[in-house]
N, C-alpha and C. Protein backbone atom coordinates (compact mmCIF):
# COMPACT_ATOMS: atom_id res chain seq x y z
N UNK A 1 -147.26 -52.18 -68.29
CA UNK A 1 -146.88 -50.79 -68.24
C UNK A 1 -145.86 -50.60 -67.12
N UNK A 2 -144.84 -49.79 -67.37
CA UNK A 2 -143.80 -49.52 -66.39
C UNK A 2 -144.12 -48.19 -65.69
N UNK A 3 -144.31 -48.25 -64.37
CA UNK A 3 -144.70 -47.07 -63.61
C UNK A 3 -143.78 -46.89 -62.41
N UNK A 4 -143.44 -45.64 -62.13
CA UNK A 4 -142.67 -45.27 -60.94
C UNK A 4 -143.51 -44.30 -60.12
N UNK A 5 -143.52 -44.51 -58.80
CA UNK A 5 -144.20 -43.58 -57.90
C UNK A 5 -143.16 -43.00 -56.96
N UNK A 6 -143.02 -41.68 -57.00
CA UNK A 6 -142.09 -40.97 -56.12
C UNK A 6 -142.93 -40.40 -54.97
N UNK A 7 -142.50 -40.70 -53.75
CA UNK A 7 -143.28 -40.31 -52.58
C UNK A 7 -144.28 -41.39 -52.22
N UNK A 8 -143.93 -42.64 -52.50
CA UNK A 8 -144.85 -43.76 -52.37
C UNK A 8 -145.34 -44.02 -50.95
N UNK A 9 -144.56 -43.65 -49.94
CA UNK A 9 -144.96 -43.97 -48.57
C UNK A 9 -145.83 -42.89 -47.93
N UNK A 10 -145.98 -41.77 -48.59
CA UNK A 10 -146.84 -40.71 -48.07
C UNK A 10 -148.30 -40.98 -48.39
N UNK A 11 -149.15 -40.14 -47.86
CA UNK A 11 -150.59 -40.34 -48.05
C UNK A 11 -150.99 -40.31 -49.52
N UNK A 12 -150.45 -39.35 -50.29
CA UNK A 12 -150.80 -39.25 -51.71
C UNK A 12 -150.21 -40.43 -52.49
N UNK A 13 -148.99 -40.81 -52.19
CA UNK A 13 -148.38 -41.95 -52.87
C UNK A 13 -149.14 -43.24 -52.64
N UNK A 14 -149.59 -43.44 -51.40
CA UNK A 14 -150.38 -44.64 -51.09
C UNK A 14 -151.72 -44.61 -51.82
N UNK A 15 -152.30 -43.42 -51.96
CA UNK A 15 -153.55 -43.31 -52.70
C UNK A 15 -153.33 -43.62 -54.18
N UNK A 16 -152.16 -43.22 -54.72
CA UNK A 16 -151.84 -43.57 -56.11
C UNK A 16 -151.83 -45.08 -56.29
N UNK A 17 -151.21 -45.79 -55.34
CA UNK A 17 -151.19 -47.26 -55.40
C UNK A 17 -152.61 -47.82 -55.38
N UNK A 18 -153.43 -47.28 -54.49
CA UNK A 18 -154.82 -47.73 -54.39
C UNK A 18 -155.57 -47.51 -55.69
N UNK A 19 -155.39 -46.33 -56.28
CA UNK A 19 -156.07 -46.01 -57.54
C UNK A 19 -155.64 -46.95 -58.67
N UNK A 20 -154.35 -47.24 -58.76
CA UNK A 20 -153.86 -48.16 -59.78
C UNK A 20 -154.54 -49.52 -59.64
N UNK A 21 -154.66 -49.97 -58.39
CA UNK A 21 -155.28 -51.28 -58.14
C UNK A 21 -156.78 -51.26 -58.43
N UNK A 22 -157.45 -50.22 -57.93
CA UNK A 22 -158.90 -50.15 -58.11
C UNK A 22 -159.30 -50.04 -59.57
N UNK A 23 -158.48 -49.37 -60.37
CA UNK A 23 -158.79 -49.19 -61.79
C UNK A 23 -158.16 -50.27 -62.66
N UNK A 24 -157.54 -51.24 -62.00
CA UNK A 24 -156.94 -52.39 -62.69
C UNK A 24 -156.01 -51.97 -63.83
N UNK A 25 -155.16 -51.01 -63.53
CA UNK A 25 -154.16 -50.55 -64.50
C UNK A 25 -153.18 -51.71 -64.73
N UNK A 26 -152.91 -52.05 -65.98
CA UNK A 26 -152.00 -53.17 -66.27
C UNK A 26 -150.54 -52.80 -65.99
N UNK A 27 -150.09 -53.04 -64.79
CA UNK A 27 -148.73 -52.70 -64.36
C UNK A 27 -147.90 -53.97 -64.37
N UNK A 28 -146.82 -53.98 -65.15
CA UNK A 28 -145.93 -55.13 -65.12
C UNK A 28 -144.59 -54.81 -64.48
N UNK A 29 -144.33 -53.52 -64.23
CA UNK A 29 -143.09 -53.11 -63.57
C UNK A 29 -143.40 -51.86 -62.75
N UNK A 30 -143.42 -52.02 -61.43
CA UNK A 30 -143.75 -50.92 -60.53
C UNK A 30 -142.57 -50.63 -59.63
N UNK A 31 -142.06 -49.40 -59.68
CA UNK A 31 -140.96 -48.97 -58.82
C UNK A 31 -141.49 -47.93 -57.86
N UNK A 32 -141.14 -48.10 -56.57
CA UNK A 32 -141.59 -47.19 -55.53
C UNK A 32 -140.39 -46.48 -54.93
N UNK A 33 -140.49 -45.14 -54.82
CA UNK A 33 -139.39 -44.33 -54.29
C UNK A 33 -139.89 -43.42 -53.19
N UNK A 34 -138.99 -43.13 -52.25
CA UNK A 34 -139.30 -42.22 -51.15
C UNK A 34 -137.99 -41.70 -50.58
N UNK A 35 -138.07 -41.02 -49.47
CA UNK A 35 -136.88 -40.47 -48.82
C UNK A 35 -136.07 -41.60 -48.16
N UNK A 36 -134.88 -41.26 -47.72
CA UNK A 36 -134.03 -42.25 -47.06
C UNK A 36 -134.69 -42.80 -45.79
N UNK A 37 -135.54 -42.00 -45.15
CA UNK A 37 -136.24 -42.46 -43.94
C UNK A 37 -137.18 -43.62 -44.25
N UNK A 38 -137.74 -43.65 -45.44
CA UNK A 38 -138.71 -44.69 -45.79
C UNK A 38 -138.13 -45.82 -46.63
N UNK A 39 -136.91 -45.64 -47.12
CA UNK A 39 -136.28 -46.68 -47.94
C UNK A 39 -136.22 -47.99 -47.16
N UNK A 40 -136.55 -49.07 -47.83
CA UNK A 40 -136.55 -50.39 -47.21
C UNK A 40 -137.93 -50.83 -46.75
N UNK A 41 -138.85 -49.89 -46.62
CA UNK A 41 -140.22 -50.22 -46.23
C UNK A 41 -140.86 -51.04 -47.36
N UNK A 42 -141.77 -51.92 -47.01
CA UNK A 42 -142.46 -52.70 -48.03
C UNK A 42 -143.91 -52.26 -48.13
N UNK A 43 -144.35 -52.01 -49.36
CA UNK A 43 -145.74 -51.72 -49.65
C UNK A 43 -146.24 -52.85 -50.54
N UNK A 44 -147.54 -52.99 -50.62
CA UNK A 44 -148.11 -54.09 -51.40
C UNK A 44 -148.89 -53.57 -52.58
N UNK A 45 -148.72 -54.26 -53.69
CA UNK A 45 -149.49 -54.00 -54.89
C UNK A 45 -150.03 -55.34 -55.37
N UNK A 46 -151.35 -55.47 -55.39
CA UNK A 46 -151.99 -56.74 -55.77
C UNK A 46 -151.39 -57.91 -54.99
N UNK A 47 -151.29 -57.74 -53.69
CA UNK A 47 -150.82 -58.78 -52.77
C UNK A 47 -149.35 -59.17 -52.93
N UNK A 48 -148.60 -58.41 -53.71
CA UNK A 48 -147.17 -58.73 -53.78
C UNK A 48 -146.37 -57.58 -53.16
N UNK A 49 -145.39 -57.92 -52.33
CA UNK A 49 -144.61 -56.88 -51.66
C UNK A 49 -143.62 -56.22 -52.63
N UNK A 50 -143.50 -54.90 -52.48
CA UNK A 50 -142.52 -54.14 -53.27
C UNK A 50 -141.72 -53.30 -52.29
N UNK A 51 -140.42 -53.39 -52.34
CA UNK A 51 -139.56 -52.64 -51.44
C UNK A 51 -139.37 -51.22 -51.96
N UNK A 52 -139.58 -50.26 -51.08
CA UNK A 52 -139.41 -48.85 -51.41
C UNK A 52 -137.91 -48.53 -51.44
N UNK A 53 -137.51 -47.81 -52.47
CA UNK A 53 -136.10 -47.43 -52.61
C UNK A 53 -135.94 -45.92 -52.45
N UNK A 54 -134.76 -45.51 -52.07
CA UNK A 54 -134.48 -44.08 -51.94
C UNK A 54 -134.34 -43.45 -53.32
N UNK A 55 -134.94 -42.29 -53.50
CA UNK A 55 -134.85 -41.57 -54.76
C UNK A 55 -133.46 -40.95 -54.90
N UNK A 56 -132.83 -41.20 -56.05
CA UNK A 56 -131.55 -40.55 -56.36
C UNK A 56 -131.50 -40.26 -57.85
N UNK A 57 -130.38 -39.76 -58.32
CA UNK A 57 -130.29 -39.33 -59.73
C UNK A 57 -130.38 -40.48 -60.73
N UNK A 58 -130.25 -41.71 -60.28
CA UNK A 58 -130.34 -42.86 -61.18
C UNK A 58 -131.65 -43.63 -61.04
N UNK A 59 -132.57 -43.11 -60.25
CA UNK A 59 -133.80 -43.85 -59.94
C UNK A 59 -134.76 -43.98 -61.12
N UNK A 60 -134.93 -42.94 -61.86
CA UNK A 60 -135.98 -42.93 -62.89
C UNK A 60 -135.40 -43.28 -64.25
N UNK A 61 -135.12 -44.56 -64.42
CA UNK A 61 -134.55 -45.01 -65.69
C UNK A 61 -135.65 -45.59 -66.57
N UNK A 62 -136.06 -44.80 -67.52
CA UNK A 62 -137.03 -45.19 -68.54
C UNK A 62 -138.40 -45.63 -68.05
N UNK A 63 -138.97 -44.98 -67.04
CA UNK A 63 -140.35 -45.35 -66.71
C UNK A 63 -141.28 -44.84 -67.79
N UNK A 64 -142.35 -45.57 -68.06
CA UNK A 64 -143.34 -45.11 -69.01
C UNK A 64 -144.13 -43.95 -68.39
N UNK A 65 -144.46 -44.11 -67.10
CA UNK A 65 -145.19 -43.08 -66.37
C UNK A 65 -144.54 -42.90 -65.01
N UNK A 66 -144.31 -41.65 -64.61
CA UNK A 66 -143.81 -41.35 -63.27
C UNK A 66 -144.85 -40.49 -62.57
N UNK A 67 -145.30 -40.95 -61.42
CA UNK A 67 -146.25 -40.21 -60.59
C UNK A 67 -145.48 -39.66 -59.40
N UNK A 68 -145.61 -38.38 -59.16
CA UNK A 68 -144.82 -37.76 -58.10
C UNK A 68 -145.71 -37.04 -57.10
N UNK A 69 -145.51 -37.32 -55.83
CA UNK A 69 -146.22 -36.60 -54.78
C UNK A 69 -145.22 -35.93 -53.84
N UNK A 70 -144.00 -35.76 -54.30
CA UNK A 70 -142.96 -35.11 -53.51
C UNK A 70 -142.91 -33.62 -53.82
N UNK A 71 -142.41 -32.82 -52.89
CA UNK A 71 -142.25 -31.38 -53.16
C UNK A 71 -141.27 -31.14 -54.31
N UNK A 72 -141.41 -30.03 -54.96
CA UNK A 72 -140.55 -29.68 -56.10
C UNK A 72 -139.07 -29.68 -55.72
N UNK A 73 -138.76 -29.42 -54.48
CA UNK A 73 -137.35 -29.39 -54.05
C UNK A 73 -136.68 -30.75 -54.17
N UNK A 74 -137.46 -31.82 -54.20
CA UNK A 74 -136.91 -33.17 -54.30
C UNK A 74 -136.47 -33.48 -55.73
N UNK A 75 -137.15 -32.91 -56.72
CA UNK A 75 -136.91 -33.26 -58.12
C UNK A 75 -135.51 -33.00 -58.63
N UNK A 76 -134.79 -31.95 -58.22
CA UNK A 76 -133.44 -31.77 -58.76
C UNK A 76 -132.53 -32.97 -58.54
N UNK A 77 -132.80 -33.78 -57.51
CA UNK A 77 -131.99 -34.99 -57.28
C UNK A 77 -132.24 -36.05 -58.33
N UNK A 78 -133.40 -36.06 -58.93
CA UNK A 78 -133.75 -37.12 -59.88
C UNK A 78 -133.69 -36.69 -61.33
N UNK A 79 -133.90 -35.43 -61.61
CA UNK A 79 -134.02 -34.98 -63.00
C UNK A 79 -132.74 -34.71 -63.76
N UNK A 80 -131.63 -34.31 -63.14
CA UNK A 80 -130.47 -33.94 -63.95
C UNK A 80 -130.01 -35.01 -64.92
N UNK A 81 -130.16 -36.28 -64.56
CA UNK A 81 -129.68 -37.35 -65.45
C UNK A 81 -130.80 -37.89 -66.34
N UNK A 82 -131.90 -37.17 -66.44
CA UNK A 82 -133.02 -37.68 -67.20
C UNK A 82 -133.36 -36.75 -68.37
N UNK A 83 -132.52 -36.68 -69.39
CA UNK A 83 -132.83 -35.81 -70.53
C UNK A 83 -134.11 -36.27 -71.20
N UNK A 84 -134.93 -35.32 -71.56
CA UNK A 84 -136.16 -35.60 -72.25
C UNK A 84 -137.33 -35.93 -71.33
N UNK A 85 -137.08 -36.01 -70.03
CA UNK A 85 -138.16 -36.31 -69.09
C UNK A 85 -138.94 -35.02 -68.82
N UNK A 86 -140.22 -35.07 -68.98
CA UNK A 86 -141.07 -33.91 -68.74
C UNK A 86 -141.76 -34.07 -67.40
N UNK A 87 -141.86 -32.98 -66.66
CA UNK A 87 -142.56 -32.98 -65.37
C UNK A 87 -143.60 -31.89 -65.38
N UNK A 88 -144.75 -32.20 -64.86
CA UNK A 88 -145.83 -31.23 -64.77
C UNK A 88 -146.06 -30.88 -63.34
């Protein structure tokens, strides 16, 4: 499953990572996004390091599931180029 987490370095984003691991969600492609302050940080998923990238308008390319813990003000940067993407 292809999953993207926006706000991955915050408390809620880290909890999302923990939940995915604890529930053994079959993730084969995990993308982590955060602000420019956190870009480059490494987080771990199942003992493998994943580099956090800065969220921009090209970040969310065809994820199956996108989990977001960022404020609504962040979304306009990512959504304009994503026709058909639904956000709750």
